[in-house]
PDB file of N, CA and C in Angstrom:
ATOM      1  N   MET A   1       0.814  -1.192   0.000  1.00  0.00           N
ATOM      2  CA  MET A   1       0.000   0.000   0.000  1.00  0.00           C
ATOM      3  C   MET A   1       0.861   1.261   0.000  1.00  0.00           C
ATOM      4  N   PHE A   2       2.012   1.200   0.636  1.00  0.00           N
ATOM      5  CA  PHE A   2       2.909   2.350   0.683  1.00  0.00           C
ATOM      6  C   PHE A   2       4.269   1.953   0.110  1.00  0.00           C
ATOM      7  N   ALA A   3       4.272   1.437  -1.111  1.00  0.00           N
ATOM      8  CA  ALA A   3       5.470   0.867  -1.716  1.00  0.00           C
ATOM      9  C   ALA A   3       6.555   1.898  -1.980  1.00  0.00           C
ATOM     10  N   GLY A   4       6.190   3.108  -2.323  1.00  0.00           N
ATOM     11  CA  GLY A   4       7.202   4.116  -2.588  1.00  0.00           C
ATOM     12  C   GLY A   4       7.856   3.936  -3.943  1.00  0.00           C
ATOM     13  N   LYS A   5       9.127   4.304  -4.044  1.00  0.00           N
ATOM     14  CA  LYS A   5       9.860   4.252  -5.310  1.00  0.00           C
ATOM     15  C   LYS A   5      10.183   2.815  -5.696  1.00  0.00           C
ATOM     16  N   SER A   6      10.302   2.608  -7.009  1.00  0.00           N
ATOM     17  CA  SER A   6      10.670   1.293  -7.522  1.00  0.00           C
ATOM     18  C   SER A   6      12.071   0.923  -7.052  1.00  0.00           C
ATOM     19  N   LEU A   7      12.281  -0.364  -6.856  1.00  0.00           N
ATOM     20  CA  LEU A   7      13.593  -0.875  -6.482  1.00  0.00           C
ATOM     21  C   LEU A   7      14.398  -1.175  -7.740  1.00  0.00           C
ATOM     22  N   GLU A   8      15.716  -1.170  -7.633  1.00  0.00           N
ATOM     23  CA  GLU A   8      16.578  -1.436  -8.781  1.00  0.00           C
ATOM     24  C   GLU A   8      16.404  -2.842  -9.334  1.00  0.00           C
ATOM     25  N   ASN A   9      16.043  -3.798  -8.486  1.00  0.00           N
ATOM     26  CA  ASN A   9      15.963  -5.189  -8.920  1.00  0.00           C
ATOM     27  C   ASN A   9      14.568  -5.617  -9.364  1.00  0.00           C
ATOM     28  N   GLU A  10      13.652  -4.667  -9.582  1.00  0.00           N
ATOM     29  CA  GLU A  10      12.324  -5.021 -10.069  1.00  0.00           C
ATOM     30  C   GLU A  10      12.413  -5.456 -11.521  1.00  0.00           C
ATOM     31  N   LEU A  11      11.519  -6.339 -11.915  1.00  0.00           N
ATOM     32  CA  LEU A  11      11.529  -6.850 -13.277  1.00  0.00           C
ATOM     33  C   LEU A  11      11.289  -5.739 -14.287  1.00  0.00           C
ATOM     34  N   GLN A  12      12.038  -5.797 -15.361  1.00  0.00           N
ATOM     35  CA  GLN A  12      11.841  -4.898 -16.488  1.00  0.00           C
ATOM     36  C   GLN A  12      10.700  -5.449 -17.340  1.00  0.00           C
ATOM     37  N   LEU A  13      10.110  -4.599 -18.181  1.00  0.00           N
ATOM     38  CA  LEU A  13       8.997  -5.027 -19.021  1.00  0.00           C
ATOM     39  C   LEU A  13       9.369  -6.245 -19.855  1.00  0.00           C
ATOM     40  N   SER A  14      10.536  -6.255 -20.450  1.00  0.00           N
ATOM     41  CA  SER A  14      10.943  -7.394 -21.284  1.00  0.00           C
ATOM     42  C   SER A  14      10.976  -8.690 -20.484  1.00  0.00           C
ATOM     43  N   GLU A  15      11.367  -8.617 -19.220  1.00  0.00           N
ATOM     44  CA  GLU A  15      11.398  -9.799 -18.364  1.00  0.00           C
ATOM     45  C   GLU A  15       9.987 -10.269 -18.015  1.00  0.00           C
ATOM     46  N   VAL A  16       9.098  -9.335 -17.740  1.00  0.00           N
ATOM     47  CA  VAL A  16       7.704  -9.674 -17.436  1.00  0.00           C
ATOM     48  C   VAL A  16       7.064 -10.357 -18.632  1.00  0.00           C
ATOM     49  N   LEU A  17       7.270  -9.796 -19.821  1.00  0.00           N
ATOM     50  CA  LEU A  17       6.672 -10.374 -21.026  1.00  0.00           C
ATOM     51  C   LEU A  17       7.250 -11.746 -21.334  1.00  0.00           C
ATOM     52  N   ALA A  18       8.545 -11.931 -21.104  1.00  0.00           N
ATOM     53  CA  ALA A  18       9.165 -13.250 -21.289  1.00  0.00           C
ATOM     54  C   ALA A  18       8.558 -14.259 -20.312  1.00  0.00           C
ATOM     55  N   LEU A  19       8.304 -13.828 -19.077  1.00  0.00           N
ATOM     56  CA  LEU A  19       7.668 -14.713 -18.095  1.00  0.00           C
ATOM     57  C   LEU A  19       6.255 -15.088 -18.524  1.00  0.00           C
ATOM     58  N   LEU A  20       5.506 -14.117 -19.049  1.00  0.00           N
ATOM     59  CA  LEU A  20       4.151 -14.417 -19.524  1.00  0.00           C
ATOM     60  C   LEU A  20       4.188 -15.454 -20.636  1.00  0.00           C
ATOM     61  N   ARG A  21       5.106 -15.286 -21.578  1.00  0.00           N
ATOM     62  CA  ARG A  21       5.208 -16.231 -22.696  1.00  0.00           C
ATOM     63  C   ARG A  21       5.610 -17.619 -22.213  1.00  0.00           C
ATOM     64  N   ALA A  22       6.558 -17.685 -21.284  1.00  0.00           N
ATOM     65  CA  ALA A  22       6.974 -18.979 -20.725  1.00  0.00           C
ATOM     66  C   ALA A  22       5.837 -19.626 -19.940  1.00  0.00           C
ATOM     67  N   PHE A  23       5.110 -18.811 -19.198  1.00  0.00           N
ATOM     68  CA  PHE A  23       3.952 -19.284 -18.433  1.00  0.00           C
ATOM     69  C   PHE A  23       2.940 -19.947 -19.367  1.00  0.00           C
ATOM     70  N   LYS A  24       2.632 -19.282 -20.465  1.00  0.00           N
ATOM     71  CA  LYS A  24       1.678 -19.821 -21.442  1.00  0.00           C
ATOM     72  C   LYS A  24       2.230 -21.093 -22.085  1.00  0.00           C
ATOM     73  N   GLN A  25       3.485 -21.068 -22.448  1.00  0.00           N
ATOM     74  CA  GLN A  25       4.123 -22.223 -23.084  1.00  0.00           C
ATOM     75  C   GLN A  25       4.092 -23.459 -22.181  1.00  0.00           C
ATOM     76  N   HIS A  26       4.138 -23.253 -20.881  1.00  0.00           N
ATOM     77  CA  HIS A  26       4.130 -24.354 -19.926  1.00  0.00           C
ATOM     78  C   HIS A  26       2.721 -24.671 -19.417  1.00  0.00           C
ATOM     79  N   GLY A  27       1.712 -24.187 -20.116  1.00  0.00           N
ATOM     80  CA  GLY A  27       0.341 -24.559 -19.796  1.00  0.00           C
ATOM     81  C   GLY A  27      -0.436 -23.582 -18.946  1.00  0.00           C
ATOM     82  N   GLY A  28       0.149 -22.441 -18.611  1.00  0.00           N
ATOM     83  CA  GLY A  28      -0.557 -21.452 -17.809  1.00  0.00           C
ATOM     84  C   GLY A  28      -1.734 -20.871 -18.565  1.00  0.00           C
ATOM     85  N   CYS A  29      -2.801 -20.577 -17.839  1.00  0.00           N
ATOM     86  CA  CYS A  29      -3.978 -20.025 -18.510  1.00  0.00           C
ATOM     87  C   CYS A  29      -4.635 -18.880 -17.743  1.00  0.00           C
ATOM     88  N   ASN A  30      -4.400 -18.750 -16.449  1.00  0.00           N
ATOM     89  CA  ASN A  30      -5.024 -17.707 -15.632  1.00  0.00           C
ATOM     90  C   ASN A  30      -3.949 -16.818 -15.022  1.00  0.00           C
ATOM     91  N   LEU A  31      -4.103 -15.518 -15.195  1.00  0.00           N
ATOM     92  CA  LEU A  31      -3.147 -14.537 -14.692  1.00  0.00           C
ATOM     93  C   LEU A  31      -3.862 -13.557 -13.789  1.00  0.00           C
ATOM     94  N   THR A  32      -3.328 -13.353 -12.597  1.00  0.00           N
ATOM     95  CA  THR A  32      -3.856 -12.349 -11.684  1.00  0.00           C
ATOM     96  C   THR A  32      -2.771 -11.309 -11.448  1.00  0.00           C
ATOM     97  N   LEU A  33      -3.111 -10.052 -11.677  1.00  0.00           N
ATOM     98  CA  LEU A  33      -2.180  -8.948 -11.459  1.00  0.00           C
ATOM     99  C   LEU A  33      -2.655  -8.127 -10.272  1.00  0.00           C
ATOM    100  N   SER A  34      -1.738  -7.889  -9.344  1.00  0.00           N
ATOM    101  CA  SER A  34      -2.071  -7.094  -8.168  1.00  0.00           C
ATOM    102  C   SER A  34      -0.891  -6.204  -7.824  1.00  0.00           C
ATOM    103  N   GLY A  35      -0.997  -5.477  -6.748  1.00  0.00           N
ATOM    104  CA  GLY A  35       0.076  -4.548  -6.396  1.00  0.00           C
ATOM    105  C   GLY A  35       0.360  -4.628  -4.918  1.00  0.00           C
ATOM    106  N   GLY A  36       0.568  -3.537  -4.393  1.00  0.00           N
ATOM    107  CA  GLY A  36       0.125  -2.174  -4.340  1.00  0.00           C
ATOM    108  C   GLY A  36      -1.116  -1.996  -5.210  1.00  0.00           C
ATOM    109  N   GLU A  37      -1.139  -0.892  -5.864  1.00  0.00           N
ATOM    110  CA  GLU A  37      -2.233  -0.584  -6.788  1.00  0.00           C
ATOM    111  C   GLU A  37      -1.756  -0.836  -8.211  1.00  0.00           C
ATOM    112  N   ILE A  38      -2.247  -1.888  -8.816  1.00  0.00           N
ATOM    113  CA  ILE A  38      -1.775  -2.341 -10.123  1.00  0.00           C
ATOM    114  C   ILE A  38      -1.977  -1.286 -11.205  1.00  0.00           C
ATOM    115  N   THR A  39      -2.978  -0.450 -11.089  1.00  0.00           N
ATOM    116  CA  THR A  39      -3.260   0.518 -12.154  1.00  0.00           C
ATOM    117  C   THR A  39      -2.218   1.618 -12.269  1.00  0.00           C
ATOM    118  N   VAL A  40      -1.339   1.769 -11.297  1.00  0.00           N
ATOM    119  CA  VAL A  40      -0.301   2.792 -11.403  1.00  0.00           C
ATOM    120  C   VAL A  40       0.990   2.231 -12.002  1.00  0.00           C
ATOM    121  N   HIS A  41       1.022   0.941 -12.306  1.00  0.00           N
ATOM    122  CA  HIS A  41       2.213   0.351 -12.933  1.00  0.00           C
ATOM    123  C   HIS A  41       2.373   0.931 -14.334  1.00  0.00           C
ATOM    124  N   LYS A  42       3.551   1.441 -14.630  1.00  0.00           N
ATOM    125  CA  LYS A  42       3.767   2.158 -15.893  1.00  0.00           C
ATOM    126  C   LYS A  42       3.600   1.273 -17.121  1.00  0.00           C
ATOM    127  N   ASP A  43       3.758  -0.019 -16.999  1.00  0.00           N
ATOM    128  CA  ASP A  43       3.672  -0.927 -18.137  1.00  0.00           C
ATOM    129  C   ASP A  43       2.395  -1.765 -18.136  1.00  0.00           C
ATOM    130  N   LEU A  44       1.418  -1.383 -17.347  1.00  0.00           N
ATOM    131  CA  LEU A  44       0.212  -2.210 -17.210  1.00  0.00           C
ATOM    132  C   LEU A  44      -0.461  -2.482 -18.546  1.00  0.00           C
ATOM    133  N   ARG A  45      -0.633  -1.478 -19.355  1.00  0.00           N
ATOM    134  CA  ARG A  45      -1.343  -1.674 -20.623  1.00  0.00           C
ATOM    135  C   ARG A  45      -0.613  -2.657 -21.531  1.00  0.00           C
ATOM    136  N   GLU A  46       0.689  -2.557 -21.595  1.00  0.00           N
ATOM    137  CA  GLU A  46       1.464  -3.486 -22.425  1.00  0.00           C
ATOM    138  C   GLU A  46       1.366  -4.908 -21.876  1.00  0.00           C
ATOM    139  N   ILE A  47       1.426  -5.061 -20.572  1.00  0.00           N
ATOM    140  CA  ILE A  47       1.302  -6.383 -19.953  1.00  0.00           C
ATOM    141  C   ILE A  47      -0.076  -6.972 -20.253  1.00  0.00           C
ATOM    142  N   ILE A  48      -1.115  -6.166 -20.094  1.00  0.00           N
ATOM    143  CA  ILE A  48      -2.473  -6.629 -20.395  1.00  0.00           C
ATOM    144  C   ILE A  48      -2.597  -7.010 -21.861  1.00  0.00           C
ATOM    145  N   SER A  49      -2.032  -6.201 -22.728  1.00  0.00           N
ATOM    146  CA  SER A  49      -2.117  -6.458 -24.165  1.00  0.00           C
ATOM    147  C   SER A  49      -1.472  -7.791 -24.533  1.00  0.00           C
ATOM    148  N   VAL A  50      -0.279  -8.044 -24.023  1.00  0.00           N
ATOM    149  CA  VAL A  50       0.407  -9.303 -24.321  1.00  0.00           C
ATOM    150  C   VAL A  50      -0.329 -10.482 -23.695  1.00  0.00           C
ATOM    151  N   ALA A  51      -0.802 -10.325 -22.471  1.00  0.00           N
ATOM    152  CA  ALA A  51      -1.587 -11.399 -21.836  1.00  0.00           C
ATOM    153  C   ALA A  51      -2.823 -11.717 -22.674  1.00  0.00           C
ATOM    154  N   ASN A  52      -3.456 -10.688 -23.210  1.00  0.00           N
ATOM    155  CA  ASN A  52      -4.632 -10.867 -24.058  1.00  0.00           C
ATOM    156  C   ASN A  52      -4.251 -11.605 -25.347  1.00  0.00           C
ATOM    157  N   GLU A  53      -3.147 -11.211 -25.977  1.00  0.00           N
ATOM    158  CA  GLU A  53      -2.669 -11.878 -27.186  1.00  0.00           C
ATOM    159  C   GLU A  53      -2.362 -13.358 -26.927  1.00  0.00           C
ATOM    160  N   LEU A  54      -1.898 -13.663 -25.732  1.00  0.00           N
ATOM    161  CA  LEU A  54      -1.582 -15.050 -25.354  1.00  0.00           C
ATOM    162  C   LEU A  54      -2.820 -15.821 -24.902  1.00  0.00           C
ATOM    163  N   HIS A  55      -3.968 -15.155 -24.909  1.00  0.00           N
ATOM    164  CA  HIS A  55      -5.244 -15.752 -24.477  1.00  0.00           C
ATOM    165  C   HIS A  55      -5.210 -16.199 -23.017  1.00  0.00           C
ATOM    166  N   LEU A  56      -4.515 -15.423 -22.193  1.00  0.00           N
ATOM    167  CA  LEU A  56      -4.535 -15.663 -20.755  1.00  0.00           C
ATOM    168  C   LEU A  56      -5.781 -15.007 -20.176  1.00  0.00           C
ATOM    169  N   THR A  57      -6.461 -15.697 -19.314  1.00  0.00           N
ATOM    170  CA  THR A  57      -7.618 -15.133 -18.616  1.00  0.00           C
ATOM    171  C   THR A  57      -7.068 -14.270 -17.492  1.00  0.00           C
ATOM    172  N   THR A  58      -7.256 -12.956 -17.617  1.00  0.00           N
ATOM    173  CA  THR A  58      -6.588 -12.011 -16.727  1.00  0.00           C
ATOM    174  C   THR A  58      -7.564 -11.380 -15.733  1.00  0.00           C
ATOM    175  N   THR A  59      -7.128 -11.341 -14.482  1.00  0.00           N
ATOM    176  CA  THR A  59      -7.859 -10.695 -13.396  1.00  0.00           C
ATOM    177  C   THR A  59      -6.982  -9.584 -12.831  1.00  0.00           C
ATOM    178  N   LEU A  60      -7.586  -8.434 -12.563  1.00  0.00           N
ATOM    179  CA  LEU A  60      -6.886  -7.330 -11.909  1.00  0.00           C
ATOM    180  C   LEU A  60      -7.450  -7.146 -10.510  1.00  0.00           C
ATOM    181  N   LEU A  61      -6.568  -7.038  -9.530  1.00  0.00           N
ATOM    182  CA  LEU A  61      -6.962  -6.722  -8.156  1.00  0.00           C
ATOM    183  C   LEU A  61      -6.609  -5.259  -7.922  1.00  0.00           C
ATOM    184  N   THR A  62      -7.583  -4.464  -7.498  1.00  0.00           N
ATOM    185  CA  THR A  62      -7.398  -3.019  -7.409  1.00  0.00           C
ATOM    186  C   THR A  62      -8.152  -2.452  -6.213  1.00  0.00           C
ATOM    187  N   ASN A  63      -7.728  -1.281  -5.773  1.00  0.00           N
ATOM    188  CA  ASN A  63      -8.520  -0.592  -4.751  1.00  0.00           C
ATOM    189  C   ASN A  63      -9.538   0.333  -5.410  1.00  0.00           C
ATOM    190  N   GLY A  64      -9.456   0.465  -6.743  1.00  0.00           N
ATOM    191  CA  GLY A  64     -10.447   1.215  -7.494  1.00  0.00           C
ATOM    192  C   GLY A  64     -10.269   2.714  -7.516  1.00  0.00           C
ATOM    193  N   THR A  65      -9.240   3.228  -6.884  1.00  0.00           N
ATOM    194  CA  THR A  65      -9.122   4.685  -6.753  1.00  0.00           C
ATOM    195  C   THR A  65      -8.465   5.370  -7.944  1.00  0.00           C
ATOM    196  N   GLU A  66      -7.760   4.632  -8.779  1.00  0.00           N
ATOM    197  CA  GLU A  66      -6.992   5.256  -9.860  1.00  0.00           C
ATOM    198  C   GLU A  66      -7.561   4.984 -11.254  1.00  0.00           C
ATOM    199  N   TRP A  67      -8.757   4.438 -11.342  1.00  0.00           N
ATOM    200  CA  TRP A  67      -9.342   4.107 -12.641  1.00  0.00           C
ATOM    201  C   TRP A  67      -9.834   5.356 -13.347  1.00  0.00           C
ATOM    202  N   THR A  68      -9.523   5.437 -14.621  1.00  0.00           N
ATOM    203  CA  THR A  68     -10.016   6.514 -15.472  1.00  0.00           C
ATOM    204  C   THR A  68     -10.957   5.895 -16.503  1.00  0.00           C
ATOM    205  N   ASP A  69     -11.750   6.723 -17.134  1.00  0.00           N
ATOM    206  CA  ASP A  69     -12.621   6.217 -18.198  1.00  0.00           C
ATOM    207  C   ASP A  69     -11.802   5.552 -19.293  1.00  0.00           C
ATOM    208  N   ASP A  70     -10.632   6.129 -19.607  1.00  0.00           N
ATOM    209  CA  ASP A  70      -9.760   5.577 -20.633  1.00  0.00           C
ATOM    210  C   ASP A  70      -9.265   4.173 -20.254  1.00  0.00           C
ATOM    211  N   LEU A  71      -8.871   3.988 -19.000  1.00  0.00           N
ATOM    212  CA  LEU A  71      -8.405   2.676 -18.560  1.00  0.00           C
ATOM    213  C   LEU A  71      -9.554   1.668 -18.562  1.00  0.00           C
ATOM    214  N   ILE A  72     -10.716   2.082 -18.167  1.00  0.00           N
ATOM    215  CA  ILE A  72     -11.888   1.199 -18.197  1.00  0.00           C
ATOM    216  C   ILE A  72     -12.150   0.746 -19.627  1.00  0.00           C
ATOM    217  N   GLU A  73     -12.128   1.679 -20.575  1.00  0.00           N
ATOM    218  CA  GLU A  73     -12.349   1.327 -21.976  1.00  0.00           C
ATOM    219  C   GLU A  73     -11.254   0.399 -22.495  1.00  0.00           C
ATOM    220  N   TYR A  74      -9.999   0.668 -22.117  1.00  0.00           N
ATOM    221  CA  TYR A  74      -8.881  -0.144 -22.593  1.00  0.00           C
ATOM    222  C   TYR A  74      -8.989  -1.588 -22.112  1.00  0.00           C
ATOM    223  N   THR A  75      -9.359  -1.771 -20.874  1.00  0.00           N
ATOM    224  CA  THR A  75      -9.381  -3.115 -20.293  1.00  0.00           C
ATOM    225  C   THR A  75     -10.675  -3.878 -20.573  1.00  0.00           C
ATOM    226  N   ALA A  76     -11.712  -3.195 -21.006  1.00  0.00           N
ATOM    227  CA  ALA A  76     -13.048  -3.799 -21.130  1.00  0.00           C
ATOM    228  C   ALA A  76     -13.059  -5.106 -21.910  1.00  0.00           C
ATOM    229  N   ASN A  77     -12.326  -5.203 -22.998  1.00  0.00           N
ATOM    230  CA  ASN A  77     -12.335  -6.407 -23.820  1.00  0.00           C
ATOM    231  C   ASN A  77     -11.074  -7.248 -23.671  1.00  0.00           C
ATOM    232  N   LYS A  78     -10.214  -6.868 -22.729  1.00  0.00           N
ATOM    233  CA  LYS A  78      -8.949  -7.572 -22.565  1.00  0.00           C
ATOM    234  C   LYS A  78      -8.825  -8.289 -21.220  1.00  0.00           C
ATOM    235  N   VAL A  79      -9.603  -7.863 -20.246  1.00  0.00           N
ATOM    236  CA  VAL A  79      -9.506  -8.397 -18.888  1.00  0.00           C
ATOM    237  C   VAL A  79     -10.800  -9.120 -18.548  1.00  0.00           C
ATOM    238  N   ALA A  80     -10.673 -10.318 -18.001  1.00  0.00           N
ATOM    239  CA  ALA A  80     -11.861 -11.112 -17.682  1.00  0.00           C
ATOM    240  C   ALA A  80     -12.565 -10.630 -16.424  1.00  0.00           C
ATOM    241  N   GLU A  81     -11.780 -10.128 -15.460  1.00  0.00           N
ATOM    242  CA  GLU A  81     -12.364  -9.802 -14.158  1.00  0.00           C
ATOM    243  C   GLU A  81     -11.561  -8.701 -13.486  1.00  0.00           C
ATOM    244  N   VAL A  82     -12.268  -7.809 -12.810  1.00  0.00           N
ATOM    245  CA  VAL A  82     -11.653  -6.792 -11.966  1.00  0.00           C
ATOM    246  C   VAL A  82     -12.252  -6.951 -10.573  1.00  0.00           C
ATOM    247  N   GLN A  83     -11.386  -7.155  -9.589  1.00  0.00           N
ATOM    248  CA  GLN A  83     -11.839  -7.259  -8.201  1.00  0.00           C
ATOM    249  C   GLN A  83     -11.422  -5.991  -7.468  1.00  0.00           C
ATOM    250  N   VAL A  84     -12.399  -5.334  -6.861  1.00  0.00           N
ATOM    251  CA  VAL A  84     -12.156  -4.062  -6.176  1.00  0.00           C
ATOM    252  C   VAL A  84     -12.211  -4.285  -4.671  1.00  0.00           C
ATOM    253  N   SER A  85     -11.143  -3.890  -3.996  1.00  0.00           N
ATOM    254  CA  SER A  85     -11.089  -3.965  -2.539  1.00  0.00           C
ATOM    255  C   SER A  85     -11.839  -2.782  -1.954  1.00  0.00           C
ATOM    256  N   ILE A  86     -12.651  -3.035  -0.975  1.00  0.00           N
ATOM    257  CA  ILE A  86     -13.319  -1.975  -0.228  1.00  0.00           C
ATOM    258  C   ILE A  86     -12.873  -2.125   1.219  1.00  0.00           C
ATOM    259  N   ASP A  87     -12.348  -1.059   1.778  1.00  0.00           N
ATOM    260  CA  ASP A  87     -11.712  -1.137   3.089  1.00  0.00           C
ATOM    261  C   ASP A  87     -12.539  -0.549   4.212  1.00  0.00           C
ATOM    262  N   GLY A  88     -13.844  -0.484   4.020  1.00  0.00           N
ATOM    263  CA  GLY A  88     -14.712   0.007   5.077  1.00  0.00           C
ATOM    264  C   GLY A  88     -16.159  -0.186   4.684  1.00  0.00           C
ATOM    265  N   TYR A  89     -17.027  -0.091   5.631  1.00  0.00           N
ATOM    266  CA  TYR A  89     -18.452  -0.309   5.388  1.00  0.00           C
ATOM    267  C   TYR A  89     -19.194   0.981   5.077  1.00  0.00           C
ATOM    268  N   ASP A  90     -18.533   2.121   5.292  1.00  0.00           N
ATOM    269  CA  ASP A  90     -19.113   3.412   4.939  1.00  0.00           C
ATOM    270  C   ASP A  90     -17.971   4.353   4.579  1.00  0.00           C
ATOM    271  N   GLU A  91     -18.306   5.552   4.115  1.00  0.00           N
ATOM    272  CA  GLU A  91     -17.286   6.505   3.669  1.00  0.00           C
ATOM    273  C   GLU A  91     -16.256   6.797   4.763  1.00  0.00           C
ATOM    274  N   LEU A  92     -16.695   6.987   5.985  1.00  0.00           N
ATOM    275  CA  LEU A  92     -15.783   7.341   7.072  1.00  0.00           C
ATOM    276  C   LEU A  92     -14.784   6.223   7.366  1.00  0.00           C
ATOM    277  N   SER A  93     -15.262   4.993   7.472  1.00  0.00           N
ATOM    278  CA  SER A  93     -14.351   3.890   7.782  1.00  0.00           C
ATOM    279  C   SER A  93     -13.430   3.580   6.603  1.00  0.00           C
ATOM    280  N   ASN A  94     -13.935   3.674   5.388  1.00  0.00           N
ATOM    281  CA  ASN A  94     -13.110   3.441   4.201  1.00  0.00           C
ATOM    282  C   ASN A  94     -12.043   4.529   4.068  1.00  0.00           C
ATOM    283  N   ALA A  95     -12.398   5.763   4.392  1.00  0.00           N
ATOM    284  CA  ALA A  95     -11.480   6.898   4.256  1.00  0.00           C
ATOM    285  C   ALA A  95     -10.269   6.785   5.174  1.00  0.00           C
ATOM    286  N   LYS A  96     -10.374   6.053   6.263  1.00  0.00           N
ATOM    287  CA  LYS A  96      -9.237   5.885   7.173  1.00  0.00           C
ATOM    288  C   LYS A  96      -8.074   5.201   6.458  1.00  0.00           C
ATOM    289  N   ILE A  97      -8.379   4.406   5.449  1.00  0.00           N
ATOM    290  CA  ILE A  97      -7.334   3.698   4.708  1.00  0.00           C
ATOM    291  C   ILE A  97      -7.091   4.329   3.346  1.00  0.00           C
ATOM    292  N   ARG A  98      -8.144   4.648   2.608  1.00  0.00           N
ATOM    293  CA  ARG A  98      -8.027   5.083   1.208  1.00  0.00           C
ATOM    294  C   ARG A  98      -8.090   6.590   1.003  1.00  0.00           C
ATOM    295  N   GLY A  99      -8.477   7.344   2.015  1.00  0.00           N
ATOM    296  CA  GLY A  99      -8.683   8.776   1.831  1.00  0.00           C
ATOM    297  C   GLY A  99     -10.143   9.045   1.516  1.00  0.00           C
ATOM    298  N   THR A 100     -10.531  10.288   1.633  1.00  0.00           N
ATOM    299  CA  THR A 100     -11.943  10.626   1.456  1.00  0.00           C
ATOM    300  C   THR A 100     -12.351  10.620  -0.006  1.00  0.00           C
ATOM    301  N   GLY A 101     -13.620  10.317  -0.230  1.00  0.00           N
ATOM    302  CA  GLY A 101     -14.203  10.401  -1.550  1.00  0.00           C
ATOM    303  C   GLY A 101     -14.020   9.218  -2.457  1.00  0.00           C
ATOM    304  N   HIS A 102     -13.559   8.082  -1.938  1.00  0.00           N
ATOM    305  CA  HIS A 102     -13.295   6.933  -2.794  1.00  0.00           C
ATOM    306  C   HIS A 102     -14.356   5.826  -2.724  1.00  0.00           C
ATOM    307  N   LEU A 103     -15.060   5.723  -1.647  1.00  0.00           N
ATOM    308  CA  LEU A 103     -16.017   4.621  -1.506  1.00  0.00           C
ATOM    309  C   LEU A 103     -17.188   4.817  -2.453  1.00  0.00           C
ATOM    310  N   LEU A 104     -17.245   4.022  -3.485  1.00  0.00           N
ATOM    311  CA  LEU A 104     -18.324   3.976  -4.466  1.00  0.00           C
ATOM    312  C   LEU A 104     -18.519   5.262  -5.259  1.00  0.00           C
ATOM    313  N   SER A 105     -17.741   6.284  -5.009  1.00  0.00           N
ATOM    314  CA  SER A 105     -17.945   7.544  -5.716  1.00  0.00           C
ATOM    315  C   SER A 105     -17.717   7.407  -7.211  1.00  0.00           C
ATOM    316  N   ARG A 106     -16.839   6.530  -7.619  1.00  0.00           N
ATOM    317  CA  ARG A 106     -16.538   6.357  -9.036  1.00  0.00           C
ATOM    318  C   ARG A 106     -17.240   5.157  -9.624  1.00  0.00           C
ATOM    319  N   TRP A 107     -17.973   4.406  -8.818  1.00  0.00           N
ATOM    320  CA  TRP A 107     -18.535   3.136  -9.279  1.00  0.00           C
ATOM    321  C   TRP A 107     -20.052   3.142  -9.319  1.00  0.00           C
ATOM    322  N   LYS A 108     -20.652   4.306  -9.248  1.00  0.00           N
ATOM    323  CA  LYS A 108     -22.116   4.377  -9.282  1.00  0.00           C
ATOM    324  C   LYS A 108     -22.627   3.978 -10.649  1.00  0.00           C
ATOM    325  N   CYS A 109     -23.711   3.256 -10.659  1.00  0.00           N
ATOM    326  CA  CYS A 109     -24.303   2.790 -11.919  1.00  0.00           C
ATOM    327  C   CYS A 109     -25.276   3.809 -12.453  1.00  0.00           C
TER     328      CYS A 109
END
């Protein structure tokens, strides 16, 4: 939740994509991406795109606070499932962890 700056030994995009391809080659079929907050990963779209090309069933775990209309549109046909964490039963309790204004404010139907 409070990961801060990237570490020097974190996987590069080329390494992540090579792992996805090897995973598929060895029979992998379901991919779950999580974080911290996965939507702030700078290479998320490329990772999703390659996972989609490999026909991996992809799930994103998110707190839901960083989604934009553009990201929703991008993932709509590429991701099988999005799971949103809710950290409280009302705005006040959720805000203790996520900050104010996040509980269902962006998810109204």
